[in-house]
Amino acid sequence: MKAKISHPQKQTFLISELKYIKKRPWPSLMQGETMQDPIHVIKHFVSDKPRKGAGGVEYIEKKYSVKKGSSRINAALLKGYNAIEGIIVESYE
């Protein structure tokens, strides 16, 4: 899904590579409007060694997480998109 606003650091992310909150899709996008702004993404360091959390459950690490725009991702998925435009706003590499 493409953003209408141009940004020099805008890039395309596969939705499958993003960690995001599953919530109600953005209503105006579901009614046919175009996405105005790119989503905001945080880039993470992914460990080579498996890491475990509470109860010994392994973390499912992803390279990117969404800081702003999870509802736009949910709308994109419902509309059949597998990628979305965003900008990296933080990096922890």
PDB file of N, CA and C in Angstrom:
ATOM      1  N   MET A   1       0.855  -1.160   0.000  1.00  0.00           N
ATOM      2  CA  MET A   1       0.000   0.000   0.000  1.00  0.00           C
ATOM      3  C   MET A   1       0.908   1.232   0.000  1.00  0.00           C
ATOM      4  N   LYS A   2       0.643   2.140  -0.892  1.00  0.00           N
ATOM      5  CA  LYS A   2       1.472   3.337  -1.038  1.00  0.00           C
ATOM      6  C   LYS A   2       0.901   4.517  -0.253  1.00  0.00           C
ATOM      7  N   ALA A   3       1.816   5.331   0.270  1.00  0.00           N
ATOM      8  CA  ALA A   3       1.437   6.553   0.979  1.00  0.00           C
ATOM      9  C   ALA A   3       1.413   7.718  -0.010  1.00  0.00           C
ATOM     10  N   LYS A   4       0.443   8.599   0.163  1.00  0.00           N
ATOM     11  CA  LYS A   4       0.305   9.756  -0.721  1.00  0.00           C
ATOM     12  C   LYS A   4       1.416  10.782  -0.482  1.00  0.00           C
ATOM     13  N   ILE A   5       1.804  10.984   0.782  1.00  0.00           N
ATOM     14  CA  ILE A   5       2.833  11.956   1.155  1.00  0.00           C
ATOM     15  C   ILE A   5       4.211  11.418   0.761  1.00  0.00           C
ATOM     16  N   SER A   6       5.004  12.269   0.127  1.00  0.00           N
ATOM     17  CA  SER A   6       6.356  11.896  -0.253  1.00  0.00           C
ATOM     18  C   SER A   6       7.308  12.184   0.912  1.00  0.00           C
ATOM     19  N   HIS A   7       8.268  11.296   1.118  1.00  0.00           N
ATOM     20  CA  HIS A   7       9.255  11.469   2.177  1.00  0.00           C
ATOM     21  C   HIS A   7      10.580  10.913   1.658  1.00  0.00           C
ATOM     22  N   PRO A   8      11.693  11.625   1.845  1.00  0.00           N
ATOM     23  CA  PRO A   8      12.968  11.169   1.288  1.00  0.00           C
ATOM     24  C   PRO A   8      13.452   9.822   1.824  1.00  0.00           C
ATOM     25  N   GLN A   9      13.005   9.416   3.006  1.00  0.00           N
ATOM     26  CA  GLN A   9      13.447   8.150   3.592  1.00  0.00           C
ATOM     27  C   GLN A   9      12.392   7.056   3.483  1.00  0.00           C
ATOM     28  N   LYS A  10      11.372   7.286   2.689  1.00  0.00           N
ATOM     29  CA  LYS A  10      10.286   6.315   2.556  1.00  0.00           C
ATOM     30  C   LYS A  10      10.786   5.062   1.841  1.00  0.00           C
ATOM     31  N   GLN A  11      10.383   3.902   2.354  1.00  0.00           N
ATOM     32  CA  GLN A  11      10.717   2.635   1.712  1.00  0.00           C
ATOM     33  C   GLN A  11       9.564   1.658   1.860  1.00  0.00           C
ATOM     34  N   THR A  12       9.629   0.557   1.134  1.00  0.00           N
ATOM     35  CA  THR A  12       8.558  -0.436   1.167  1.00  0.00           C
ATOM     36  C   THR A  12       8.963  -1.595   2.071  1.00  0.00           C
ATOM     37  N   PHE A  13       8.050  -1.985   2.968  1.00  0.00           N
ATOM     38  CA  PHE A  13       8.276  -3.085   3.901  1.00  0.00           C
ATOM     39  C   PHE A  13       7.275  -4.201   3.623  1.00  0.00           C
ATOM     40  N   LEU A  14       7.747  -5.447   3.632  1.00  0.00           N
ATOM     41  CA  LEU A  14       6.830  -6.577   3.573  1.00  0.00           C
ATOM     42  C   LEU A  14       6.110  -6.654   4.916  1.00  0.00           C
ATOM     43  N   ILE A  15       4.813  -6.800   4.880  1.00  0.00           N
ATOM     44  CA  ILE A  15       4.032  -6.843   6.121  1.00  0.00           C
ATOM     45  C   ILE A  15       4.434  -8.045   6.973  1.00  0.00           C
ATOM     46  N   SER A  16       4.819  -9.141   6.335  1.00  0.00           N
ATOM     47  CA  SER A  16       5.228 -10.344   7.074  1.00  0.00           C
ATOM     48  C   SER A  16       6.495 -10.127   7.900  1.00  0.00           C
ATOM     49  N   GLU A  17       7.271  -9.080   7.592  1.00  0.00           N
ATOM     50  CA  GLU A  17       8.506  -8.794   8.328  1.00  0.00           C
ATOM     51  C   GLU A  17       8.303  -7.772   9.448  1.00  0.00           C
ATOM     52  N   LEU A  18       7.055  -7.334   9.653  1.00  0.00           N
ATOM     53  CA  LEU A  18       6.753  -6.310  10.653  1.00  0.00           C
ATOM     54  C   LEU A  18       6.062  -6.904  11.870  1.00  0.00           C
ATOM     55  N   LYS A  19       6.447  -6.446  13.046  1.00  0.00           N
ATOM     56  CA  LYS A  19       5.726  -6.762  14.288  1.00  0.00           C
ATOM     57  C   LYS A  19       4.774  -5.599  14.522  1.00  0.00           C
ATOM     58  N   TYR A  20       3.480  -5.865  14.593  1.00  0.00           N
ATOM     59  CA  TYR A  20       2.485  -4.809  14.737  1.00  0.00           C
ATOM     60  C   TYR A  20       1.328  -5.291  15.595  1.00  0.00           C
ATOM     61  N   ILE A  21       0.532  -4.361  16.057  1.00  0.00           N
ATOM     62  CA  ILE A  21      -0.630  -4.678  16.887  1.00  0.00           C
ATOM     63  C   ILE A  21      -1.803  -4.998  15.968  1.00  0.00           C
ATOM     64  N   LYS A  22      -2.435  -6.123  16.204  1.00  0.00           N
ATOM     65  CA  LYS A  22      -3.621  -6.490  15.426  1.00  0.00           C
ATOM     66  C   LYS A  22      -4.822  -5.791  16.064  1.00  0.00           C
ATOM     67  N   LYS A  23      -5.342  -4.805  15.339  1.00  0.00           N
ATOM     68  CA  LYS A  23      -6.472  -4.039  15.867  1.00  0.00           C
ATOM     69  C   LYS A  23      -7.379  -3.606  14.726  1.00  0.00           C
ATOM     70  N   ARG A  24      -8.396  -2.836  15.070  1.00  0.00           N
ATOM     71  CA  ARG A  24      -9.386  -2.389  14.091  1.00  0.00           C
ATOM     72  C   ARG A  24      -8.704  -1.645  12.943  1.00  0.00           C
ATOM     73  N   PRO A  25      -9.023  -1.998  11.683  1.00  0.00           N
ATOM     74  CA  PRO A  25      -8.419  -1.300  10.544  1.00  0.00           C
ATOM     75  C   PRO A  25      -8.837   0.164  10.480  1.00  0.00           C
ATOM     76  N   TRP A  26      -7.999   0.976   9.879  1.00  0.00           N
ATOM     77  CA  TRP A  26      -8.269   2.404   9.716  1.00  0.00           C
ATOM     78  C   TRP A  26      -9.540   2.560   8.886  1.00  0.00           C
ATOM     79  N   PRO A  27     -10.627   3.151   9.443  1.00  0.00           N
ATOM     80  CA  PRO A  27     -11.926   3.196   8.761  1.00  0.00           C
ATOM     81  C   PRO A  27     -11.909   3.868   7.381  1.00  0.00           C
ATOM     82  N   SER A  28     -11.237   4.998   7.243  1.00  0.00           N
ATOM     83  CA  SER A  28     -11.267   5.701   5.956  1.00  0.00           C
ATOM     84  C   SER A  28     -10.568   4.900   4.859  1.00  0.00           C
ATOM     85  N   LEU A  29      -9.542   4.120   5.227  1.00  0.00           N
ATOM     86  CA  LEU A  29      -8.878   3.279   4.231  1.00  0.00           C
ATOM     87  C   LEU A  29      -9.793   2.161   3.756  1.00  0.00           C
ATOM     88  N   MET A  30     -10.627   1.672   4.655  1.00  0.00           N
ATOM     89  CA  MET A  30     -11.566   0.615   4.285  1.00  0.00           C
ATOM     90  C   MET A  30     -12.688   1.148   3.390  1.00  0.00           C
ATOM     91  N   GLN A  31     -12.903   2.462   3.428  1.00  0.00           N
ATOM     92  CA  GLN A  31     -13.942   3.078   2.605  1.00  0.00           C
ATOM     93  C   GLN A  31     -13.402   3.589   1.271  1.00  0.00           C
ATOM     94  N   GLY A  32     -12.148   3.245   0.957  1.00  0.00           N
ATOM     95  CA  GLY A  32     -11.602   3.580  -0.350  1.00  0.00           C
ATOM     96  C   GLY A  32     -10.626   4.737  -0.408  1.00  0.00           C
ATOM     97  N   GLU A  33     -10.391   5.438   0.694  1.00  0.00           N
ATOM     98  CA  GLU A  33      -9.426   6.535   0.679  1.00  0.00           C
ATOM     99  C   GLU A  33      -8.004   5.973   0.581  1.00  0.00           C
ATOM    100  N   THR A  34      -7.069   6.815   0.100  1.00  0.00           N
ATOM    101  CA  THR A  34      -5.673   6.392   0.022  1.00  0.00           C
ATOM    102  C   THR A  34      -4.964   6.718   1.337  1.00  0.00           C
ATOM    103  N   MET A  35      -3.916   5.974   1.619  1.00  0.00           N
ATOM    104  CA  MET A  35      -3.132   6.211   2.824  1.00  0.00           C
ATOM    105  C   MET A  35      -2.349   7.509   2.637  1.00  0.00           C
ATOM    106  N   GLN A  36      -2.467   8.426   3.571  1.00  0.00           N
ATOM    107  CA  GLN A  36      -1.818   9.728   3.465  1.00  0.00           C
ATOM    108  C   GLN A  36      -0.340   9.671   3.833  1.00  0.00           C
ATOM    109  N   ASP A  37      -0.025   9.156   5.017  1.00  0.00           N
ATOM    110  CA  ASP A  37       1.338   9.168   5.543  1.00  0.00           C
ATOM    111  C   ASP A  37       1.908   7.756   5.609  1.00  0.00           C
ATOM    112  N   PRO A  38       3.233   7.613   5.430  1.00  0.00           N
ATOM    113  CA  PRO A  38       3.848   6.296   5.622  1.00  0.00           C
ATOM    114  C   PRO A  38       3.824   5.903   7.100  1.00  0.00           C
ATOM    115  N   ILE A  39       3.839   4.606   7.369  1.00  0.00           N
ATOM    116  CA  ILE A  39       3.886   4.146   8.754  1.00  0.00           C
ATOM    117  C   ILE A  39       5.267   4.456   9.334  1.00  0.00           C
ATOM    118  N   HIS A  40       5.370   4.478  10.666  1.00  0.00           N
ATOM    119  CA  HIS A  40       6.643   4.718  11.350  1.00  0.00           C
ATOM    120  C   HIS A  40       7.154   3.385  11.880  1.00  0.00           C
ATOM    121  N   VAL A  41       8.406   3.063  11.549  1.00  0.00           N
ATOM    122  CA  VAL A  41       8.970   1.748  11.830  1.00  0.00           C
ATOM    123  C   VAL A  41      10.221   1.875  12.697  1.00  0.00           C
ATOM    124  N   ILE A  42      10.387   0.919  13.610  1.00  0.00           N
ATOM    125  CA  ILE A  42      11.596   0.819  14.425  1.00  0.00           C
ATOM    126  C   ILE A  42      12.380  -0.392  13.911  1.00  0.00           C
ATOM    127  N   LYS A  43      13.675  -0.209  13.661  1.00  0.00           N
ATOM    128  CA  LYS A  43      14.536  -1.297  13.201  1.00  0.00           C
ATOM    129  C   LYS A  43      15.271  -1.871  14.409  1.00  0.00           C
ATOM    130  N   HIS A  44      15.211  -3.210  14.575  1.00  0.00           N
ATOM    131  CA  HIS A  44      15.789  -3.888  15.729  1.00  0.00           C
ATOM    132  C   HIS A  44      16.979  -4.753  15.344  1.00  0.00           C
ATOM    133  N   PHE A  45      17.813  -5.035  16.325  1.00  0.00           N
ATOM    134  CA  PHE A  45      18.867  -6.032  16.177  1.00  0.00           C
ATOM    135  C   PHE A  45      18.236  -7.398  16.430  1.00  0.00           C
ATOM    136  N   VAL A  46      18.430  -8.330  15.515  1.00  0.00           N
ATOM    137  CA  VAL A  46      17.923  -9.688  15.690  1.00  0.00           C
ATOM    138  C   VAL A  46      19.097 -10.574  16.063  1.00  0.00           C
ATOM    139  N   SER A  47      19.009 -11.212  17.224  1.00  0.00           N
ATOM    140  CA  SER A  47      20.085 -12.048  17.751  1.00  0.00           C
ATOM    141  C   SER A  47      20.242 -13.340  16.945  1.00  0.00           C
ATOM    142  N   ASP A  48      21.490 -13.778  16.803  1.00  0.00           N
ATOM    143  CA  ASP A  48      21.767 -15.061  16.150  1.00  0.00           C
ATOM    144  C   ASP A  48      21.418 -16.225  17.068  1.00  0.00           C
ATOM    145  N   LYS A  49      21.468 -15.971  18.374  1.00  0.00           N
ATOM    146  CA  LYS A  49      21.177 -17.007  19.362  1.00  0.00           C
ATOM    147  C   LYS A  49      19.700 -16.938  19.757  1.00  0.00           C
ATOM    148  N   PRO A  50      19.037 -18.083  19.852  1.00  0.00           N
ATOM    149  CA  PRO A  50      17.638 -18.073  20.289  1.00  0.00           C
ATOM    150  C   PRO A  50      17.516 -17.498  21.698  1.00  0.00           C
ATOM    151  N   ARG A  51      16.553 -16.618  21.891  1.00  0.00           N
ATOM    152  CA  ARG A  51      16.331 -16.025  23.210  1.00  0.00           C
ATOM    153  C   ARG A  51      14.986 -16.493  23.734  1.00  0.00           C
ATOM    154  N   LYS A  52      14.924 -16.648  25.058  1.00  0.00           N
ATOM    155  CA  LYS A  52      13.698 -17.151  25.673  1.00  0.00           C
ATOM    156  C   LYS A  52      13.152 -16.147  26.667  1.00  0.00           C
ATOM    157  N   GLY A  53      11.844 -16.133  26.784  1.00  0.00           N
ATOM    158  CA  GLY A  53      11.173 -15.250  27.711  1.00  0.00           C
ATOM    159  C   GLY A  53      10.618 -16.028  28.889  1.00  0.00           C
ATOM    160  N   ALA A  54       9.561 -15.499  29.481  1.00  0.00           N
ATOM    161  CA  ALA A  54       8.932 -16.122  30.642  1.00  0.00           C
ATOM    162  C   ALA A  54       8.453 -17.532  30.308  1.00  0.00           C
ATOM    163  N   GLY A  55       8.705 -18.449  31.212  1.00  0.00           N
ATOM    164  CA  GLY A  55       8.259 -19.826  31.016  1.00  0.00           C
ATOM    165  C   GLY A  55       9.071 -20.576  29.972  1.00  0.00           C
ATOM    166  N   GLY A  56      10.200 -20.011  29.529  1.00  0.00           N
ATOM    167  CA  GLY A  56      11.045 -20.677  28.553  1.00  0.00           C
ATOM    168  C   GLY A  56      10.553 -20.606  27.125  1.00  0.00           C
ATOM    169  N   VAL A  57       9.580 -19.754  26.869  1.00  0.00           N
ATOM    170  CA  VAL A  57       9.024 -19.619  25.515  1.00  0.00           C
ATOM    171  C   VAL A  57       9.992 -18.803  24.655  1.00  0.00           C
ATOM    172  N   GLU A  58      10.324 -19.345  23.468  1.00  0.00           N
ATOM    173  CA  GLU A  58      11.237 -18.642  22.570  1.00  0.00           C
ATOM    174  C   GLU A  58      10.588 -17.406  21.975  1.00  0.00           C
ATOM    175  N   TYR A  59      11.383 -16.327  21.911  1.00  0.00           N
ATOM    176  CA  TYR A  59      10.926 -15.107  21.262  1.00  0.00           C
ATOM    177  C   TYR A  59      10.883 -15.326  19.755  1.00  0.00           C
ATOM    178  N   ILE A  60       9.875 -14.775  19.111  1.00  0.00           N
ATOM    179  CA  ILE A  60       9.847 -14.718  17.658  1.00  0.00           C
ATOM    180  C   ILE A  60      10.300 -13.307  17.312  1.00  0.00           C
ATOM    181  N   GLU A  61      11.578 -13.198  16.963  1.00  0.00           N
ATOM    182  CA  GLU A  61      12.146 -11.878  16.709  1.00  0.00           C
ATOM    183  C   GLU A  61      11.909 -11.450  15.268  1.00  0.00           C
ATOM    184  N   LYS A  62      11.588 -10.196  15.110  1.00  0.00           N
ATOM    185  CA  LYS A  62      11.450  -9.603  13.783  1.00  0.00           C
ATOM    186  C   LYS A  62      12.356  -8.395  13.714  1.00  0.00           C
ATOM    187  N   LYS A  63      12.831  -8.114  12.513  1.00  0.00           N
ATOM    188  CA  LYS A  63      13.776  -7.017  12.319  1.00  0.00           C
ATOM    189  C   LYS A  63      13.113  -5.656  12.488  1.00  0.00           C
ATOM    190  N   TYR A  64      11.800  -5.588  12.239  1.00  0.00           N
ATOM    191  CA  TYR A  64      11.082  -4.311  12.283  1.00  0.00           C
ATOM    192  C   TYR A  64       9.832  -4.414  13.152  1.00  0.00           C
ATOM    193  N   SER A  65       9.534  -3.330  13.870  1.00  0.00           N
ATOM    194  CA  SER A  65       8.250  -3.221  14.566  1.00  0.00           C
ATOM    195  C   SER A  65       7.647  -1.862  14.228  1.00  0.00           C
ATOM    196  N   VAL A  66       6.345  -1.781  14.365  1.00  0.00           N
ATOM    197  CA  VAL A  66       5.633  -0.560  13.993  1.00  0.00           C
ATOM    198  C   VAL A  66       5.429   0.320  15.211  1.00  0.00           C
ATOM    199  N   LYS A  67       5.869   1.559  15.114  1.00  0.00           N
ATOM    200  CA  LYS A  67       5.675   2.534  16.188  1.00  0.00           C
ATOM    201  C   LYS A  67       4.365   3.279  15.991  1.00  0.00           C
ATOM    202  N   LYS A  68       4.020   3.563  14.739  1.00  0.00           N
ATOM    203  CA  LYS A  68       2.789   4.287  14.422  1.00  0.00           C
ATOM    204  C   LYS A  68       2.249   3.770  13.091  1.00  0.00           C
ATOM    205  N   GLY A  69       1.018   3.275  13.116  1.00  0.00           N
ATOM    206  CA  GLY A  69       0.388   2.854  11.871  1.00  0.00           C
ATOM    207  C   GLY A  69      -0.129   1.430  11.830  1.00  0.00           C
ATOM    208  N   SER A  70      -0.268   0.761  12.986  1.00  0.00           N
ATOM    209  CA  SER A  70      -0.746  -0.626  12.992  1.00  0.00           C
ATOM    210  C   SER A  70      -2.136  -0.778  12.370  1.00  0.00           C
ATOM    211  N   SER A  71      -3.012   0.183  12.592  1.00  0.00           N
ATOM    212  CA  SER A  71      -4.359   0.065  12.017  1.00  0.00           C
ATOM    213  C   SER A  71      -4.322   0.191  10.497  1.00  0.00           C
ATOM    214  N   ARG A  72      -3.336   0.917   9.955  1.00  0.00           N
ATOM    215  CA  ARG A  72      -3.178   1.009   8.506  1.00  0.00           C
ATOM    216  C   ARG A  72      -2.689  -0.321   7.933  1.00  0.00           C
ATOM    217  N   ILE A  73      -1.859  -1.029   8.702  1.00  0.00           N
ATOM    218  CA  ILE A  73      -1.406  -2.355   8.256  1.00  0.00           C
ATOM    219  C   ILE A  73      -2.577  -3.324   8.221  1.00  0.00           C
ATOM    220  N   ASN A  74      -3.416  -3.289   9.233  1.00  0.00           N
ATOM    221  CA  ASN A  74      -4.584  -4.167   9.262  1.00  0.00           C
ATOM    222  C   ASN A  74      -5.511  -3.883   8.088  1.00  0.00           C
ATOM    223  N   ALA A  75      -5.678  -2.630   7.731  1.00  0.00           N
ATOM    224  CA  ALA A  75      -6.497  -2.269   6.566  1.00  0.00           C
ATOM    225  C   ALA A  75      -5.843  -2.778   5.284  1.00  0.00           C
ATOM    226  N   ALA A  76      -4.519  -2.630   5.168  1.00  0.00           N
ATOM    227  CA  ALA A  76      -3.800  -3.097   3.977  1.00  0.00           C
ATOM    228  C   ALA A  76      -3.971  -4.606   3.797  1.00  0.00           C
ATOM    229  N   LEU A  77      -3.872  -5.362   4.898  1.00  0.00           N
ATOM    230  CA  LEU A  77      -4.047  -6.810   4.822  1.00  0.00           C
ATOM    231  C   LEU A  77      -5.449  -7.184   4.350  1.00  0.00           C
ATOM    232  N   LEU A  78      -6.461  -6.520   4.896  1.00  0.00           N
ATOM    233  CA  LEU A  78      -7.844  -6.804   4.490  1.00  0.00           C
ATOM    234  C   LEU A  78      -8.100  -6.446   3.029  1.00  0.00           C
ATOM    235  N   LYS A  79      -7.340  -5.495   2.497  1.00  0.00           N
ATOM    236  CA  LYS A  79      -7.484  -5.100   1.099  1.00  0.00           C
ATOM    237  C   LYS A  79      -6.606  -5.933   0.169  1.00  0.00           C
ATOM    238  N   GLY A  80      -5.844  -6.886   0.730  1.00  0.00           N
ATOM    239  CA  GLY A  80      -5.067  -7.809  -0.083  1.00  0.00           C
ATOM    240  C   GLY A  80      -3.623  -7.409  -0.349  1.00  0.00           C
ATOM    241  N   TYR A  81      -3.121  -6.389   0.316  1.00  0.00           N
ATOM    242  CA  TYR A  81      -1.729  -5.967   0.132  1.00  0.00           C
ATOM    243  C   TYR A  81      -0.795  -6.843   0.967  1.00  0.00           C
ATOM    244  N   ASN A  82       0.442  -7.023   0.490  1.00  0.00           N
ATOM    245  CA  ASN A  82       1.451  -7.753   1.276  1.00  0.00           C
ATOM    246  C   ASN A  82       2.635  -6.863   1.627  1.00  0.00           C
ATOM    247  N   ALA A  83       2.594  -5.588   1.214  1.00  0.00           N
ATOM    248  CA  ALA A  83       3.659  -4.630   1.512  1.00  0.00           C
ATOM    249  C   ALA A  83       3.040  -3.258   1.778  1.00  0.00           C
ATOM    250  N   ILE A  84       3.802  -2.427   2.501  1.00  0.00           N
ATOM    251  CA  ILE A  84       3.305  -1.098   2.862  1.00  0.00           C
ATOM    252  C   ILE A  84       4.497  -0.139   2.946  1.00  0.00           C
ATOM    253  N   GLU A  85       4.256   1.124   2.632  1.00  0.00           N
ATOM    254  CA  GLU A  85       5.336   2.106   2.697  1.00  0.00           C
ATOM    255  C   GLU A  85       5.477   2.669   4.115  1.00  0.00           C
ATOM    256  N   GLY A  86       6.735   2.867   4.513  1.00  0.00           N
ATOM    257  CA  GLY A  86       7.011   3.410   5.831  1.00  0.00           C
ATOM    258  C   GLY A  86       8.383   4.074   5.883  1.00  0.00           C
ATOM    259  N   ILE A  87       8.675   4.655   7.026  1.00  0.00           N
ATOM    260  CA  ILE A  87       9.984   5.254   7.262  1.00  0.00           C
ATOM    261  C   ILE A  87      10.526   4.733   8.593  1.00  0.00           C
ATOM    262  N   ILE A  88      11.844   4.516   8.636  1.00  0.00           N
ATOM    263  CA  ILE A  88      12.475   4.083   9.874  1.00  0.00           C
ATOM    264  C   ILE A  88      12.708   5.319  10.736  1.00  0.00           C
ATOM    265  N   VAL A  89      12.091   5.332  11.914  1.00  0.00           N
ATOM    266  CA  VAL A  89      12.198   6.489  12.806  1.00  0.00           C
ATOM    267  C   VAL A  89      13.157   6.243  13.973  1.00  0.00           C
ATOM    268  N   GLU A  90      13.462   4.979  14.256  1.00  0.00           N
ATOM    269  CA  GLU A  90      14.421   4.613  15.297  1.00  0.00           C
ATOM    270  C   GLU A  90      15.159   3.360  14.848  1.00  0.00           C
ATOM    271  N   SER A  91      16.395   3.200  15.304  1.00  0.00           N
ATOM    272  CA  SER A  91      17.174   2.017  14.963  1.00  0.00           C
ATOM    273  C   SER A  91      17.970   1.566  16.175  1.00  0.00           C
ATOM    274  N   TYR A  92      17.915   0.258  16.455  1.00  0.00           N
ATOM    275  CA  TYR A  92      18.650  -0.327  17.582  1.00  0.00           C
ATOM    276  C   TYR A  92      19.553  -1.444  17.091  1.00  0.00           C
ATOM    277  N   GLU A  93      20.349  -1.161  16.090  1.00  0.00           N
ATOM    278  CA  GLU A  93      21.254  -2.177  15.545  1.00  0.00           C
ATOM    279  C   GLU A  93      22.587  -2.139  16.233  1.00  0.00           C
TER     280      GLU A  93
END
